[in-house]
Amino acid sequence: MRKFDLEERLIDFSVSIIELLKEIPNTYIGIHLSKQLARSGTSVSLNYGEAQASESKKDFIHKMRIVLKELRETFVCLKILIRTKLFRNEDKITLVYSECNELISIFVKSIETVRNNYNF
């Protein structure tokens, strides 16, 4: 996978989060979870952009860990939405949930690879 493929995939993921947000009910808890999901789900692509401009390998790993942290937060928020059935379109949220899980796996492996290659 080329660098830009992952960047595009993260941007597409953030866009899919934004599309999901449009369908969450305008209730107190819906608004609360929407705001949380908006922050974590869109920050992954923005933080990845920062990682690409990192100043050192250590800085790169740090920024990649931030992306992973935000992906995990997004994953938990999606789980809550699924379990509470706040989201009307189950197929759509299931696809985003699966993509989030795949991205988590990619970042876990990427961080591990960089750490092993540079003895961090």
C-alpha atoms as a PDB file:
ATOM      1  CA  MET A   1       0.000   0.000   0.000  1.00  0.00           C
ATOM      2  CA  ARG A   2       1.417   3.349  -0.993  1.00  0.00           C
ATOM      3  CA  LYS A   3       1.400   6.281   1.406  1.00  0.00           C
ATOM      4  CA  PHE A   4      -1.295   8.100  -0.541  1.00  0.00           C
ATOM      5  CA  ASP A   5      -3.530   5.030  -0.681  1.00  0.00           C
ATOM      6  CA  LEU A   6      -3.712   5.004   3.120  1.00  0.00           C
ATOM      7  CA  GLU A   7      -4.207   8.760   3.221  1.00  0.00           C
ATOM      8  CA  GLU A   8      -7.092   8.491   0.758  1.00  0.00           C
ATOM      9  CA  ARG A   9      -8.560   5.597   2.696  1.00  0.00           C
ATOM     10  CA  LEU A  10      -8.476   7.653   5.896  1.00  0.00           C
ATOM     11  CA  ILE A  11     -10.066  10.632   4.156  1.00  0.00           C
ATOM     12  CA  ASP A  12     -12.793   8.349   2.786  1.00  0.00           C
ATOM     13  CA  PHE A  13     -13.283   6.983   6.307  1.00  0.00           C
ATOM     14  CA  SER A  14     -13.664  10.494   7.734  1.00  0.00           C
ATOM     15  CA  VAL A  15     -16.172  11.343   5.010  1.00  0.00           C
ATOM     16  CA  SER A  16     -18.156   8.198   5.833  1.00  0.00           C
ATOM     17  CA  ILE A  17     -18.216   9.283   9.494  1.00  0.00           C
ATOM     18  CA  ILE A  18     -19.615  12.672   8.440  1.00  0.00           C
ATOM     19  CA  GLU A  19     -22.279  10.915   6.353  1.00  0.00           C
ATOM     20  CA  LEU A  20     -23.208   8.725   9.343  1.00  0.00           C
ATOM     21  CA  LEU A  21     -23.572  11.766  11.568  1.00  0.00           C
ATOM     22  CA  LYS A  22     -26.328  13.084   9.332  1.00  0.00           C
ATOM     23  CA  GLU A  23     -28.495  10.108  10.290  1.00  0.00           C
ATOM     24  CA  ILE A  24     -28.106  10.112  14.067  1.00  0.00           C
ATOM     25  CA  PRO A  25     -31.236  11.332  15.885  1.00  0.00           C
ATOM     26  CA  ASN A  26     -31.277  14.860  17.225  1.00  0.00           C
ATOM     27  CA  THR A  27     -31.735  13.757  20.850  1.00  0.00           C
ATOM     28  CA  TYR A  28     -29.564  14.645  23.832  1.00  0.00           C
ATOM     29  CA  ILE A  29     -27.552  11.413  23.625  1.00  0.00           C
ATOM     30  CA  GLY A  30     -27.561  11.454  19.827  1.00  0.00           C
ATOM     31  CA  ILE A  31     -26.023  14.924  19.839  1.00  0.00           C
ATOM     32  CA  HIS A  32     -23.504  13.942  22.517  1.00  0.00           C
ATOM     33  CA  LEU A  33     -22.321  10.857  20.620  1.00  0.00           C
ATOM     34  CA  SER A  34     -22.390  12.707  17.292  1.00  0.00           C
ATOM     35  CA  LYS A  35     -20.015  15.363  18.589  1.00  0.00           C
ATOM     36  CA  GLN A  36     -17.662  12.742  20.006  1.00  0.00           C
ATOM     37  CA  LEU A  37     -17.745  10.698  16.796  1.00  0.00           C
ATOM     38  CA  ALA A  38     -17.214  13.818  14.692  1.00  0.00           C
ATOM     39  CA  ARG A  39     -14.072  14.701  16.630  1.00  0.00           C
ATOM     40  CA  SER A  40     -12.475  11.269  16.748  1.00  0.00           C
ATOM     41  CA  GLY A  41     -13.649  10.016  13.357  1.00  0.00           C
ATOM     42  CA  THR A  42     -12.436  13.003  11.381  1.00  0.00           C
ATOM     43  CA  SER A  43      -9.226  13.564  13.308  1.00  0.00           C
ATOM     44  CA  VAL A  44      -7.729  10.301  12.029  1.00  0.00           C
ATOM     45  CA  SER A  45      -7.118  11.651   8.530  1.00  0.00           C
ATOM     46  CA  LEU A  46      -5.922  15.013   9.851  1.00  0.00           C
ATOM     47  CA  ASN A  47      -3.494  13.435  12.313  1.00  0.00           C
ATOM     48  CA  TYR A  48      -2.196  11.094   9.634  1.00  0.00           C
ATOM     49  CA  GLY A  49      -1.384  14.179   7.572  1.00  0.00           C
ATOM     50  CA  GLU A  50       0.626  15.461  10.521  1.00  0.00           C
ATOM     51  CA  ALA A  51       2.448  12.137  10.796  1.00  0.00           C
ATOM     52  CA  GLN A  52       3.545  12.471   7.169  1.00  0.00           C
ATOM     53  CA  ALA A  53       5.280  15.732   8.097  1.00  0.00           C
ATOM     54  CA  SER A  54       6.884  14.371  11.264  1.00  0.00           C
ATOM     55  CA  GLU A  55      10.295  15.669  12.236  1.00  0.00           C
ATOM     56  CA  SER A  56      11.817  12.330  13.246  1.00  0.00           C
ATOM     57  CA  LYS A  57      11.030   8.621  13.391  1.00  0.00           C
ATOM     58  CA  LYS A  58      10.136   9.023  17.067  1.00  0.00           C
ATOM     59  CA  ASP A  59       7.774  11.893  16.209  1.00  0.00           C
ATOM     60  CA  PHE A  60       6.300   9.774  13.397  1.00  0.00           C
ATOM     61  CA  ILE A  61       5.552   6.900  15.791  1.00  0.00           C
ATOM     62  CA  HIS A  62       4.022   9.321  18.280  1.00  0.00           C
ATOM     63  CA  LYS A  63       1.687  10.780  15.659  1.00  0.00           C
ATOM     64  CA  MET A  64       0.784   7.337  14.335  1.00  0.00           C
ATOM     65  CA  ARG A  65      -0.145   6.329  17.885  1.00  0.00           C
ATOM     66  CA  ILE A  66      -2.453   9.344  18.068  1.00  0.00           C
ATOM     67  CA  VAL A  67      -4.188   8.150  14.883  1.00  0.00           C
ATOM     68  CA  LEU A  68      -4.547   4.682  16.439  1.00  0.00           C
ATOM     69  CA  LYS A  69      -5.929   6.177  19.657  1.00  0.00           C
ATOM     70  CA  GLU A  70      -8.533   8.154  17.716  1.00  0.00           C
ATOM     71  CA  LEU A  71      -9.471   5.091  15.652  1.00  0.00           C
ATOM     72  CA  ARG A  72     -10.023   3.089  18.837  1.00  0.00           C
ATOM     73  CA  GLU A  73     -12.160   5.859  20.300  1.00  0.00           C
ATOM     74  CA  THR A  74     -14.198   5.960  17.089  1.00  0.00           C
ATOM     75  CA  PHE A  75     -14.569   2.169  17.201  1.00  0.00           C
ATOM     76  CA  VAL A  76     -15.995   2.257  20.728  1.00  0.00           C
ATOM     77  CA  CYS A  77     -18.375   5.080  19.818  1.00  0.00           C
ATOM     78  CA  LEU A  78     -19.607   3.067  16.827  1.00  0.00           C
ATOM     79  CA  LYS A  79     -20.152   0.068  19.129  1.00  0.00           C
ATOM     80  CA  ILE A  80     -22.268   2.204  21.434  1.00  0.00           C
ATOM     81  CA  LEU A  81     -24.347   3.456  18.508  1.00  0.00           C
ATOM     82  CA  ILE A  82     -24.864  -0.088  17.253  1.00  0.00           C
ATOM     83  CA  ARG A  83     -25.803  -1.510  20.658  1.00  0.00           C
ATOM     84  CA  THR A  84     -28.206   1.296  21.495  1.00  0.00           C
ATOM     85  CA  LYS A  85     -29.728   1.115  18.010  1.00  0.00           C
ATOM     86  CA  LEU A  86     -29.514   4.899  17.692  1.00  0.00           C
ATOM     87  CA  PHE A  87     -28.530   4.490  14.083  1.00  0.00           C
ATOM     88  CA  ARG A  88     -31.283   3.683  11.622  1.00  0.00           C
ATOM     89  CA  ASN A  89     -29.252   2.201   8.741  1.00  0.00           C
ATOM     90  CA  GLU A  90     -27.528  -0.901  10.140  1.00  0.00           C
ATOM     91  CA  ASP A  91     -25.805  -1.783   6.860  1.00  0.00           C
ATOM     92  CA  LYS A  92     -24.145   1.605   6.637  1.00  0.00           C
ATOM     93  CA  ILE A  93     -22.868   1.644  10.213  1.00  0.00           C
ATOM     94  CA  THR A  94     -21.673  -1.964   9.899  1.00  0.00           C
ATOM     95  CA  LEU A  95     -19.523  -1.026   6.896  1.00  0.00           C
ATOM     96  CA  VAL A  96     -17.986   1.927   8.736  1.00  0.00           C
ATOM     97  CA  TYR A  97     -17.451  -0.248  11.817  1.00  0.00           C
ATOM     98  CA  SER A  98     -15.632  -2.881   9.724  1.00  0.00           C
ATOM     99  CA  GLU A  99     -13.477  -0.262   8.031  1.00  0.00           C
ATOM    100  CA  CYS A 100     -12.551   1.207  11.412  1.00  0.00           C
ATOM    101  CA  ASN A 101     -11.537  -2.239  12.644  1.00  0.00           C
ATOM    102  CA  GLU A 102      -9.384  -2.794   9.542  1.00  0.00           C
ATOM    103  CA  LEU A 103      -7.717   0.598   9.941  1.00  0.00           C
ATOM    104  CA  ILE A 104      -6.924  -0.203  13.575  1.00  0.00           C
ATOM    105  CA  SER A 105      -5.204  -3.413  12.444  1.00  0.00           C
ATOM    106  CA  ILE A 106      -3.218  -1.522   9.794  1.00  0.00           C
ATOM    107  CA  PHE A 107      -2.004   1.056  12.302  1.00  0.00           C
ATOM    108  CA  VAL A 108      -1.126  -1.514  14.971  1.00  0.00           C
ATOM    109  CA  LYS A 109       1.013  -3.375  12.430  1.00  0.00           C
ATOM    110  CA  SER A 110       2.518  -0.194  10.962  1.00  0.00           C
ATOM    111  CA  ILE A 111       3.580   1.108  14.362  1.00  0.00           C
ATOM    112  CA  GLU A 112       4.998  -2.288  15.270  1.00  0.00           C
ATOM    113  CA  THR A 113       6.965  -2.450  12.000  1.00  0.00           C
ATOM    114  CA  VAL A 114       8.448   1.028  12.396  1.00  0.00           C
ATOM    115  CA  ARG A 115       9.361   0.329  16.024  1.00  0.00           C
ATOM    116  CA  ASN A 116      11.085  -2.947  15.070  1.00  0.00           C
ATOM    117  CA  ASN A 117      12.936  -1.406  12.140  1.00  0.00           C
ATOM    118  CA  TYR A 118      14.298   1.477  14.196  1.00  0.00           C
ATOM    119  CA  ASN A 119      14.689  -0.287  17.568  1.00  0.00           C
ATOM    120  CA  PHE A 120      12.329   1.995  19.505  1.00  0.00           C
END
